[in-house]
Amino acid sequence: PRARGMGEATVAVSDVAYAAFNNPGHLGNMDQGKIAATYVKPFRLDFTDFYYLGSGIPLSEKWGNLGVAMSHFKVGYQDTTLLTETQLTVAHGFGLYSDFHSRIDFGYALNFYNVDLGTSVDGLDPGSDTVFGFDMGFAMTLHKRTHVGFQVKNVNNPQIGVDEEELRRRVVAGVSYEPYDGVITTFEFDNELGYDVQYQGGVEMYVVQGFALRAGVLTNPNKLTAGFGYSVAGFGFDYGFSTGGGTLESTHQFGLNFAWGGEAQ
């Protein structure tokens, strides 16, 4: 929901609870652990449900840090499940270089993808399939306030099903800048193989301690986004909104998170 509110721009904005999916490079620089859960009905379609649960877990400066995540997407009608897609991810990130002003972090992720099609009305079971995908990402900080992110998704070109359908292969790169404490601006491009490049950007601004407002835009399809977040004593609530980008309805997304250790963000 935080990323949705900021134009769905994620690769250069650190959020360790989602880093296993969005950019494992951010796991290399963590001063606190974080766990998050979110739920959304994409485009408010009654027959869909999407759940996510993820965490960033600090280990050590020497061994880096760990990210784990799970997502589950379901399509159903009445009491019948037509399709489920599940992704389990284990990620690891560590620092490559750091000095007083700048640092470079690298991360990688192993994804377990499973798709299961429901039984048809005449009793035909299409079955299920499972494949593995590999991601890698970089996160760089320049002079403390400028952050650069880069991610390659499904480097190994995984294919699923009898027809060997290729899963999404993407290259995402972006930059974020913090002109003042409590203000983040970000811009990125998302190039999925076989599709037009998507441009995404957004801003986050803390208006009072613990309460942030967010807004953003993205292209292909063109959408406007907005949202807010509130956190206190390690607990946080986030809401993100995006327009449908055409004939579809808007999407509302909600999430909860809890952070421990280090300094509150």
C-alpha atoms as a PDB file:
ATOM      1  CA  PRO A   1       0.000   0.000   0.000  1.00  0.00           C
ATOM      2  CA  ARG A   2       2.891   2.420   0.599  1.00  0.00           C
ATOM      3  CA  ALA A   3       4.303   1.755  -2.856  1.00  0.00           C
ATOM      4  CA  ARG A   4       0.850   1.960  -4.467  1.00  0.00           C
ATOM      5  CA  GLY A   5       0.355   5.407  -2.972  1.00  0.00           C
ATOM      6  CA  MET A   6       3.714   6.541  -4.429  1.00  0.00           C
ATOM      7  CA  GLY A   7       2.967   5.628  -8.045  1.00  0.00           C
ATOM      8  CA  GLU A   8       3.959   1.979  -7.497  1.00  0.00           C
ATOM      9  CA  ALA A   9       7.609   3.081  -7.526  1.00  0.00           C
ATOM     10  CA  THR A  10       9.541   0.684  -5.276  1.00  0.00           C
ATOM     11  CA  VAL A  11      13.009  -0.120  -6.554  1.00  0.00           C
ATOM     12  CA  ALA A  12      14.798   2.932  -5.101  1.00  0.00           C
ATOM     13  CA  VAL A  13      12.683   3.350  -1.928  1.00  0.00           C
ATOM     14  CA  SER A  14      13.659   1.067   0.922  1.00  0.00           C
ATOM     15  CA  ASP A  15      10.917  -0.886   2.699  1.00  0.00           C
ATOM     16  CA  VAL A  16      12.545  -4.037   4.043  1.00  0.00           C
ATOM     17  CA  ALA A  17       9.281  -5.910   4.695  1.00  0.00           C
ATOM     18  CA  TYR A  18       8.655  -5.864   0.913  1.00  0.00           C
ATOM     19  CA  ALA A  19      12.284  -5.938  -0.250  1.00  0.00           C
ATOM     20  CA  ALA A  20      12.262  -9.674  -1.054  1.00  0.00           C
ATOM     21  CA  PHE A  21       9.776  -8.879  -3.854  1.00  0.00           C
ATOM     22  CA  ASN A  22      10.616  -5.304  -4.825  1.00  0.00           C
ATOM     23  CA  ASN A  23      14.419  -5.111  -4.574  1.00  0.00           C
ATOM     24  CA  PRO A  24      16.481  -7.530  -2.455  1.00  0.00           C
ATOM     25  CA  GLY A  25      19.364  -5.055  -2.589  1.00  0.00           C
ATOM     26  CA  HIS A  26      17.640  -3.033   0.144  1.00  0.00           C
ATOM     27  CA  LEU A  27      18.179  -5.930   2.561  1.00  0.00           C
ATOM     28  CA  GLY A  28      21.884  -5.077   2.687  1.00  0.00           C
ATOM     29  CA  ASN A  29      21.311  -1.952   4.781  1.00  0.00           C
ATOM     30  CA  MET A  30      18.909  -2.517   7.682  1.00  0.00           C
ATOM     31  CA  ASP A  31      18.911  -0.898  11.107  1.00  0.00           C
ATOM     32  CA  GLN A  32      15.674  -2.577  12.204  1.00  0.00           C
ATOM     33  CA  GLY A  33      13.538  -5.602  11.410  1.00  0.00           C
ATOM     34  CA  LYS A  34      10.071  -5.282   9.963  1.00  0.00           C
ATOM     35  CA  ILE A  35       7.102  -7.517   9.170  1.00  0.00           C
ATOM     36  CA  ALA A  36       4.111  -6.498   7.040  1.00  0.00           C
ATOM     37  CA  ALA A  37       0.857  -7.912   5.726  1.00  0.00           C
ATOM     38  CA  THR A  38      -1.480  -6.510   3.082  1.00  0.00           C
ATOM     39  CA  TYR A  39      -4.751  -7.401   1.392  1.00  0.00           C
ATOM     40  CA  VAL A  40      -6.316  -6.108  -1.798  1.00  0.00           C
ATOM     41  CA  LYS A  41      -9.048  -6.883  -4.319  1.00  0.00           C
ATOM     42  CA  PRO A  42      -7.482  -5.661  -7.589  1.00  0.00           C
ATOM     43  CA  PHE A  43      -9.804  -3.196  -9.326  1.00  0.00           C
ATOM     44  CA  ARG A  44     -12.462  -4.108  -6.712  1.00  0.00           C
ATOM     45  CA  LEU A  45     -13.299  -7.308  -8.595  1.00  0.00           C
ATOM     46  CA  ASP A  46     -15.372  -9.471  -6.252  1.00  0.00           C
ATOM     47  CA  PHE A  47     -13.985 -12.734  -7.601  1.00  0.00           C
ATOM     48  CA  THR A  48     -10.322 -11.916  -6.794  1.00  0.00           C
ATOM     49  CA  ASP A  49      -8.292 -11.819  -3.588  1.00  0.00           C
ATOM     50  CA  PHE A  50      -4.616 -11.013  -3.081  1.00  0.00           C
ATOM     51  CA  TYR A  51      -2.680 -11.494   0.169  1.00  0.00           C
ATOM     52  CA  TYR A  52       0.940 -10.702   1.019  1.00  0.00           C
ATOM     53  CA  LEU A  53       3.034 -11.420   4.103  1.00  0.00           C
ATOM     54  CA  GLY A  54       6.704 -10.520   4.278  1.00  0.00           C
ATOM     55  CA  SER A  55       9.546  -9.598   6.579  1.00  0.00           C
ATOM     56  CA  GLY A  56      13.067  -8.228   6.639  1.00  0.00           C
ATOM     57  CA  ILE A  57      15.173  -9.872   9.363  1.00  0.00           C
ATOM     58  CA  PRO A  58      18.514  -8.362  10.477  1.00  0.00           C
ATOM     59  CA  LEU A  59      21.335 -10.868  10.859  1.00  0.00           C
ATOM     60  CA  SER A  60      24.722  -9.170  11.071  1.00  0.00           C
ATOM     61  CA  GLU A  61      26.997  -6.715   9.301  1.00  0.00           C
ATOM     62  CA  LYS A  62      29.229  -9.634   8.343  1.00  0.00           C
ATOM     63  CA  TRP A  63      26.587 -12.057   7.056  1.00  0.00           C
ATOM     64  CA  GLY A  64      24.048  -9.603   5.668  1.00  0.00           C
ATOM     65  CA  ASN A  65      20.289  -9.744   6.229  1.00  0.00           C
ATOM     66  CA  LEU A  66      17.409 -12.030   5.335  1.00  0.00           C
ATOM     67  CA  GLY A  67      14.079 -11.419   3.620  1.00  0.00           C
ATOM     68  CA  VAL A  68      11.157 -13.844   3.435  1.00  0.00           C
ATOM     69  CA  ALA A  69       7.813 -13.299   1.716  1.00  0.00           C
ATOM     70  CA  MET A  70       4.681 -15.028   0.521  1.00  0.00           C
ATOM     71  CA  SER A  71       1.903 -13.880  -1.792  1.00  0.00           C
ATOM     72  CA  HIS A  72      -1.337 -15.653  -2.686  1.00  0.00           C
ATOM     73  CA  PHE A  73      -3.705 -14.666  -5.490  1.00  0.00           C
ATOM     74  CA  LYS A  74      -7.073 -16.404  -5.875  1.00  0.00           C
ATOM     75  CA  VAL A  75      -9.862 -16.271  -8.438  1.00  0.00           C
ATOM     76  CA  GLY A  76     -13.142 -17.830  -7.331  1.00  0.00           C
ATOM     77  CA  TYR A  77     -16.817 -17.922  -8.146  1.00  0.00           C
ATOM     78  CA  GLN A  78     -19.360 -18.654  -5.418  1.00  0.00           C
ATOM     79  CA  ASP A  79     -17.818 -21.611  -3.536  1.00  0.00           C
ATOM     80  CA  THR A  80     -15.558 -22.733  -6.386  1.00  0.00           C
ATOM     81  CA  THR A  81     -11.861 -21.827  -6.653  1.00  0.00           C
ATOM     82  CA  LEU A  82     -10.965 -21.369 -10.313  1.00  0.00           C
ATOM     83  CA  LEU A  83      -7.309 -20.369  -9.986  1.00  0.00           C
ATOM     84  CA  THR A  84      -4.660 -19.895  -7.293  1.00  0.00           C
ATOM     85  CA  GLU A  85      -1.189 -18.452  -7.776  1.00  0.00           C
ATOM     86  CA  THR A  86       1.256 -18.665  -4.883  1.00  0.00           C
ATOM     87  CA  GLN A  87       4.748 -17.229  -4.604  1.00  0.00           C
ATOM     88  CA  LEU A  88       7.215 -17.998  -1.812  1.00  0.00           C
ATOM     89  CA  THR A  89      10.461 -16.007  -1.722  1.00  0.00           C
ATOM     90  CA  VAL A  90      13.667 -16.214   0.296  1.00  0.00           C
ATOM     91  CA  ALA A  91      16.109 -13.345  -0.209  1.00  0.00           C
ATOM     92  CA  HIS A  92      19.497 -12.288   1.103  1.00  0.00           C
ATOM     93  CA  GLY A  93      21.240  -8.915   0.967  1.00  0.00           C
ATOM     94  CA  PHE A  94      24.642  -7.634   2.037  1.00  0.00           C
ATOM     95  CA  GLY A  95      26.871  -4.598   1.720  1.00  0.00           C
ATOM     96  CA  LEU A  96      29.508  -4.361  -1.002  1.00  0.00           C
ATOM     97  CA  TYR A  97      31.000  -0.974  -0.144  1.00  0.00           C
ATOM     98  CA  SER A  98      30.424   1.848   2.314  1.00  0.00           C
ATOM     99  CA  ASP A  99      32.062   5.048   3.503  1.00  0.00           C
ATOM    100  CA  PHE A 100      30.878   8.074   5.453  1.00  0.00           C
ATOM    101  CA  HIS A 101      28.664   9.413   2.643  1.00  0.00           C
ATOM    102  CA  SER A 102      27.806   6.500   0.360  1.00  0.00           C
ATOM    103  CA  ARG A 103      27.261   2.743   0.160  1.00  0.00           C
ATOM    104  CA  ILE A 104      26.453  -0.037  -2.298  1.00  0.00           C
ATOM    105  CA  ASP A 105      24.366  -3.085  -1.394  1.00  0.00           C
ATOM    106  CA  PHE A 106      23.567  -6.235  -3.365  1.00  0.00           C
ATOM    107  CA  GLY A 107      20.790  -8.763  -2.917  1.00  0.00           C
ATOM    108  CA  TYR A 108      19.358 -11.845  -4.554  1.00  0.00           C
ATOM    109  CA  ALA A 109      16.119 -13.807  -4.203  1.00  0.00           C
ATOM    110  CA  LEU A 110      14.912 -17.327  -4.948  1.00  0.00           C
ATOM    111  CA  ASN A 111      11.227 -17.520  -5.886  1.00  0.00           C
ATOM    112  CA  PHE A 112       8.993 -20.581  -5.713  1.00  0.00           C
ATOM    113  CA  TYR A 113       6.033 -20.158  -8.099  1.00  0.00           C
ATOM    114  CA  ASN A 114       2.982 -22.419  -8.022  1.00  0.00           C
ATOM    115  CA  VAL A 115      -0.179 -22.228 -10.112  1.00  0.00           C
ATOM    116  CA  ASP A 116      -3.190 -24.478  -9.535  1.00  0.00           C
ATOM    117  CA  LEU A 117      -6.237 -24.509 -11.828  1.00  0.00           C
ATOM    118  CA  GLY A 118      -9.589 -25.582 -10.427  1.00  0.00           C
ATOM    119  CA  THR A 119     -11.622 -28.529 -11.648  1.00  0.00           C
ATOM    120  CA  SER A 120     -13.995 -27.720 -14.517  1.00  0.00           C
ATOM    121  CA  VAL A 121     -17.775 -28.250 -14.387  1.00  0.00           C
ATOM    122  CA  ASP A 122     -17.448 -31.527 -16.301  1.00  0.00           C
ATOM    123  CA  GLY A 123     -14.871 -32.885 -13.835  1.00  0.00           C
ATOM    124  CA  LEU A 124     -11.681 -32.150 -15.789  1.00  0.00           C
ATOM    125  CA  ASP A 125      -8.718 -31.316 -13.545  1.00  0.00           C
ATOM    126  CA  PRO A 126      -6.206 -29.122 -15.472  1.00  0.00           C
ATOM    127  CA  GLY A 127      -3.645 -29.743 -12.710  1.00  0.00           C
ATOM    128  CA  SER A 128      -0.896 -27.556 -11.274  1.00  0.00           C
ATOM    129  CA  ASP A 129       2.744 -26.737 -11.859  1.00  0.00           C
ATOM    130  CA  THR A 130       5.705 -25.327  -9.947  1.00  0.00           C
ATOM    131  CA  VAL A 131       8.875 -23.563 -11.110  1.00  0.00           C
ATOM    132  CA  PHE A 132      11.678 -21.529  -9.560  1.00  0.00           C
ATOM    133  CA  GLY A 133      12.830 -18.040 -10.477  1.00  0.00           C
ATOM    134  CA  PHE A 134      15.915 -16.019  -9.555  1.00  0.00           C
ATOM    135  CA  ASP A 135      16.107 -12.247  -8.996  1.00  0.00           C
ATOM    136  CA  MET A 136      18.960  -9.892  -8.192  1.00  0.00           C
ATOM    137  CA  GLY A 137      19.078  -6.251  -7.187  1.00  0.00           C
ATOM    138  CA  PHE A 138      21.341  -3.373  -6.225  1.00  0.00           C
ATOM    139  CA  ALA A 139      20.711  -0.442  -3.898  1.00  0.00           C
ATOM    140  CA  MET A 140      23.102   2.517  -3.791  1.00  0.00           C
ATOM    141  CA  THR A 141      23.178   5.558  -1.524  1.00  0.00           C
ATOM    142  CA  LEU A 142      25.031   8.649  -2.726  1.00  0.00           C
ATOM    143  CA  HIS A 143      25.815  11.450  -0.283  1.00  0.00           C
ATOM    144  CA  LYS A 144      23.137  10.171   2.116  1.00  0.00           C
ATOM    145  CA  ARG A 145      20.137  11.755   0.354  1.00  0.00           C
ATOM    146  CA  THR A 146      20.193  10.225  -3.143  1.00  0.00           C
ATOM    147  CA  HIS A 147      19.291   6.552  -3.573  1.00  0.00           C
ATOM    148  CA  VAL A 148      19.547   4.453  -6.734  1.00  0.00           C
ATOM    149  CA  GLY A 149      17.885   1.071  -7.181  1.00  0.00           C
ATOM    150  CA  PHE A 150      18.140  -1.624  -9.845  1.00  0.00           C
ATOM    151  CA  GLN A 151      16.434  -5.017 -10.101  1.00  0.00           C
ATOM    152  CA  VAL A 152      16.350  -7.834 -12.653  1.00  0.00           C
ATOM    153  CA  LYS A 153      13.364 -10.167 -12.223  1.00  0.00           C
ATOM    154  CA  ASN A 154      13.436 -13.864 -13.247  1.00  0.00           C
ATOM    155  CA  VAL A 155      16.978 -13.867 -14.593  1.00  0.00           C
ATOM    156  CA  ASN A 156      16.798 -17.604 -15.334  1.00  0.00           C
ATOM    157  CA  ASN A 157      13.745 -17.238 -17.642  1.00  0.00           C
ATOM    158  CA  PRO A 158      11.438 -19.682 -15.799  1.00  0.00           C
ATOM    159  CA  GLN A 159       8.627 -21.332 -17.773  1.00  0.00           C
ATOM    160  CA  ILE A 160       5.499 -22.905 -16.335  1.00  0.00           C
ATOM    161  CA  GLY A 161       2.823 -25.314 -17.556  1.00  0.00           C
ATOM    162  CA  VAL A 162       2.628 -27.824 -20.393  1.00  0.00           C
ATOM    163  CA  ASP A 163       2.852 -24.997 -22.927  1.00  0.00           C
ATOM    164  CA  GLU A 164       5.927 -23.607 -21.097  1.00  0.00           C
ATOM    165  CA  GLU A 165       4.538 -20.123 -20.644  1.00  0.00           C
ATOM    166  CA  GLU A 166       7.319 -17.685 -19.771  1.00  0.00           C
ATOM    167  CA  LEU A 167       6.950 -15.840 -16.485  1.00  0.00           C
ATOM    168  CA  ARG A 168       7.481 -12.101 -16.344  1.00  0.00           C
ATOM    169  CA  ARG A 169      11.047 -10.965 -16.989  1.00  0.00           C
ATOM    170  CA  ARG A 170      11.619  -7.369 -15.971  1.00  0.00           C
ATOM    171  CA  VAL A 171      14.352  -4.803 -15.568  1.00  0.00           C
ATOM    172  CA  VAL A 172      13.511  -1.994 -13.147  1.00  0.00           C
ATOM    173  CA  ALA A 173      15.725   1.001 -12.367  1.00  0.00           C
ATOM    174  CA  GLY A 174      15.028   4.173 -10.430  1.00  0.00           C
ATOM    175  CA  VAL A 175      16.242   6.970  -8.227  1.00  0.00           C
ATOM    176  CA  SER A 176      14.867   8.609  -5.093  1.00  0.00           C
ATOM    177  CA  TYR A 177      15.916  11.844  -3.437  1.00  0.00           C
ATOM    178  CA  GLU A 178      15.342  13.178   0.077  1.00  0.00           C
ATOM    179  CA  PRO A 179      15.679  16.970  -0.090  1.00  0.00           C
ATOM    180  CA  TYR A 180      14.619  17.238   3.564  1.00  0.00           C
ATOM    181  CA  ASP A 181      14.131  14.806   6.412  1.00  0.00           C
ATOM    182  CA  GLY A 182      10.664  13.286   6.079  1.00  0.00           C
ATOM    183  CA  VAL A 183      10.319  13.985   2.328  1.00  0.00           C
ATOM    184  CA  ILE A 184      11.039  11.429  -0.407  1.00  0.00           C
ATOM    185  CA  THR A 185      10.632  11.906  -4.164  1.00  0.00           C
ATOM    186  CA  THR A 186      11.149   8.983  -6.530  1.00  0.00           C
ATOM    187  CA  PHE A 187      11.089   8.104 -10.218  1.00  0.00           C
ATOM    188  CA  GLU A 188      11.682   4.786 -11.993  1.00  0.00           C
ATOM    189  CA  PHE A 189      11.152   2.891 -15.225  1.00  0.00           C
ATOM    190  CA  ASP A 190       9.902  -0.681 -15.475  1.00  0.00           C
ATOM    191  CA  ASN A 191      10.761  -2.558 -18.671  1.00  0.00           C
ATOM    192  CA  GLU A 192       8.966  -5.902 -18.956  1.00  0.00           C
ATOM    193  CA  LEU A 193      10.094  -8.046 -21.879  1.00  0.00           C
ATOM    194  CA  GLY A 194       7.591  -7.760 -24.726  1.00  0.00           C
ATOM    195  CA  TYR A 195       5.738  -4.723 -23.303  1.00  0.00           C
ATOM    196  CA  ASP A 196       6.071  -0.945 -23.469  1.00  0.00           C
ATOM    197  CA  VAL A 197       8.231   0.699 -20.831  1.00  0.00           C
ATOM    198  CA  GLN A 198       6.260   1.892 -17.806  1.00  0.00           C
ATOM    199  CA  TYR A 199       7.297   5.102 -16.017  1.00  0.00           C
ATOM    200  CA  GLN A 200       6.401   5.575 -12.367  1.00  0.00           C
ATOM    201  CA  GLY A 201       6.967   8.336  -9.849  1.00  0.00           C
ATOM    202  CA  GLY A 202       5.744   9.573  -6.508  1.00  0.00           C
ATOM    203  CA  VAL A 203       6.325  11.535  -3.334  1.00  0.00           C
ATOM    204  CA  GLU A 204       6.019  10.844   0.386  1.00  0.00           C
ATOM    205  CA  MET A 205       5.842  13.647   2.942  1.00  0.00           C
ATOM    206  CA  TYR A 206       5.530  13.419   6.718  1.00  0.00           C
ATOM    207  CA  VAL A 207       3.218  16.228   7.795  1.00  0.00           C
ATOM    208  CA  VAL A 208       3.515  15.428  11.506  1.00  0.00           C
ATOM    209  CA  GLN A 209       5.540  12.833  13.345  1.00  0.00           C
ATOM    210  CA  GLY A 210       4.355   9.353  12.379  1.00  0.00           C
ATOM    211  CA  PHE A 211       1.841  10.484   9.723  1.00  0.00           C
ATOM    212  CA  ALA A 212       2.764  10.540   6.017  1.00  0.00           C
ATOM    213  CA  LEU A 213       0.863  11.583   2.902  1.00  0.00           C
ATOM    214  CA  ARG A 214       1.686  10.015  -0.477  1.00  0.00           C
ATOM    215  CA  ALA A 215       0.856  10.647  -4.136  1.00  0.00           C
ATOM    216  CA  GLY A 216       2.097   9.457  -7.513  1.00  0.00           C
ATOM    217  CA  VAL A 217       1.526   8.786 -11.206  1.00  0.00           C
ATOM    218  CA  LEU A 218       2.392   5.994 -13.643  1.00  0.00           C
ATOM    219  CA  THR A 219       2.030   5.267 -17.351  1.00  0.00           C
ATOM    220  CA  ASN A 220       0.956   2.327 -19.544  1.00  0.00           C
ATOM    221  CA  PRO A 221      -1.772   2.368 -18.344  1.00  0.00           C
ATOM    222  CA  ASN A 222      -2.002   5.925 -17.041  1.00  0.00           C
ATOM    223  CA  LYS A 223      -2.974   6.007 -13.356  1.00  0.00           C
ATOM    224  CA  LEU A 224      -3.087   8.435 -10.459  1.00  0.00           C
ATOM    225  CA  THR A 225      -2.278   7.169  -6.975  1.00  0.00           C
ATOM    226  CA  ALA A 226      -2.480   8.441  -3.412  1.00  0.00           C
ATOM    227  CA  GLY A 227      -2.377   7.172   0.139  1.00  0.00           C
ATOM    228  CA  PHE A 228      -1.229   7.697   3.689  1.00  0.00           C
ATOM    229  CA  GLY A 229       0.554   5.912   6.503  1.00  0.00           C
ATOM    230  CA  TYR A 230       0.549   6.206  10.261  1.00  0.00           C
ATOM    231  CA  SER A 231       2.945   4.579  12.707  1.00  0.00           C
ATOM    232  CA  VAL A 232       3.402   4.705  16.474  1.00  0.00           C
ATOM    233  CA  ALA A 233       5.518   2.616  18.852  1.00  0.00           C
ATOM    234  CA  GLY A 234       6.623   0.303  16.035  1.00  0.00           C
ATOM    235  CA  PHE A 235       3.111  -0.423  14.749  1.00  0.00           C
ATOM    236  CA  GLY A 236       1.961   0.990  11.430  1.00  0.00           C
ATOM    237  CA  PHE A 237      -1.078   1.184   9.146  1.00  0.00           C
ATOM    238  CA  ASP A 238      -0.917   2.010   5.430  1.00  0.00           C
ATOM    239  CA  TYR A 239      -3.539   2.748   2.797  1.00  0.00           C
ATOM    240  CA  GLY A 240      -2.943   3.042  -0.945  1.00  0.00           C
ATOM    241  CA  PHE A 241      -5.281   4.018  -3.779  1.00  0.00           C
ATOM    242  CA  SER A 242      -4.890   3.864  -7.563  1.00  0.00           C
ATOM    243  CA  THR A 243      -7.250   4.668 -10.409  1.00  0.00           C
ATOM    244  CA  GLY A 244      -8.206   1.920 -12.842  1.00  0.00           C
ATOM    245  CA  GLY A 245      -6.277   3.280 -15.804  1.00  0.00           C
ATOM    246  CA  GLY A 246      -9.160   2.856 -18.257  1.00  0.00           C
ATOM    247  CA  THR A 247     -12.471   1.015 -17.978  1.00  0.00           C
ATOM    248  CA  LEU A 248     -11.535  -0.803 -14.751  1.00  0.00           C
ATOM    249  CA  GLU A 249     -12.496   0.365 -11.285  1.00  0.00           C
ATOM    250  CA  SER A 250     -10.058   1.941  -8.838  1.00  0.00           C
ATOM    251  CA  THR A 251      -8.099  -0.196  -6.364  1.00  0.00           C
ATOM    252  CA  HIS A 252      -7.943   0.270  -2.585  1.00  0.00           C
ATOM    253  CA  GLN A 253      -5.194  -1.479  -0.638  1.00  0.00           C
ATOM    254  CA  PHE A 254      -4.666  -1.798   3.119  1.00  0.00           C
ATOM    255  CA  GLY A 255      -1.708  -3.014   5.133  1.00  0.00           C
ATOM    256  CA  LEU A 256      -0.342  -3.457   8.651  1.00  0.00           C
ATOM    257  CA  ASN A 257       3.281  -3.574   9.741  1.00  0.00           C
ATOM    258  CA  PHE A 258       5.431  -3.850  12.824  1.00  0.00           C
ATOM    259  CA  ALA A 259       9.078  -2.771  13.170  1.00  0.00           C
ATOM    260  CA  TRP A 260      11.521  -3.669  15.909  1.00  0.00           C
ATOM    261  CA  GLY A 261      15.051  -2.663  16.851  1.00  0.00           C
ATOM    262  CA  GLY A 262      17.027   0.321  15.607  1.00  0.00           C
ATOM    263  CA  GLU A 263      15.484   3.744  15.141  1.00  0.00           C
ATOM    264  CA  ALA A 264      11.795   4.164  14.277  1.00  0.00           C
ATOM    265  CA  GLN A 265      11.127   5.208  10.663  1.00  0.00           C
END
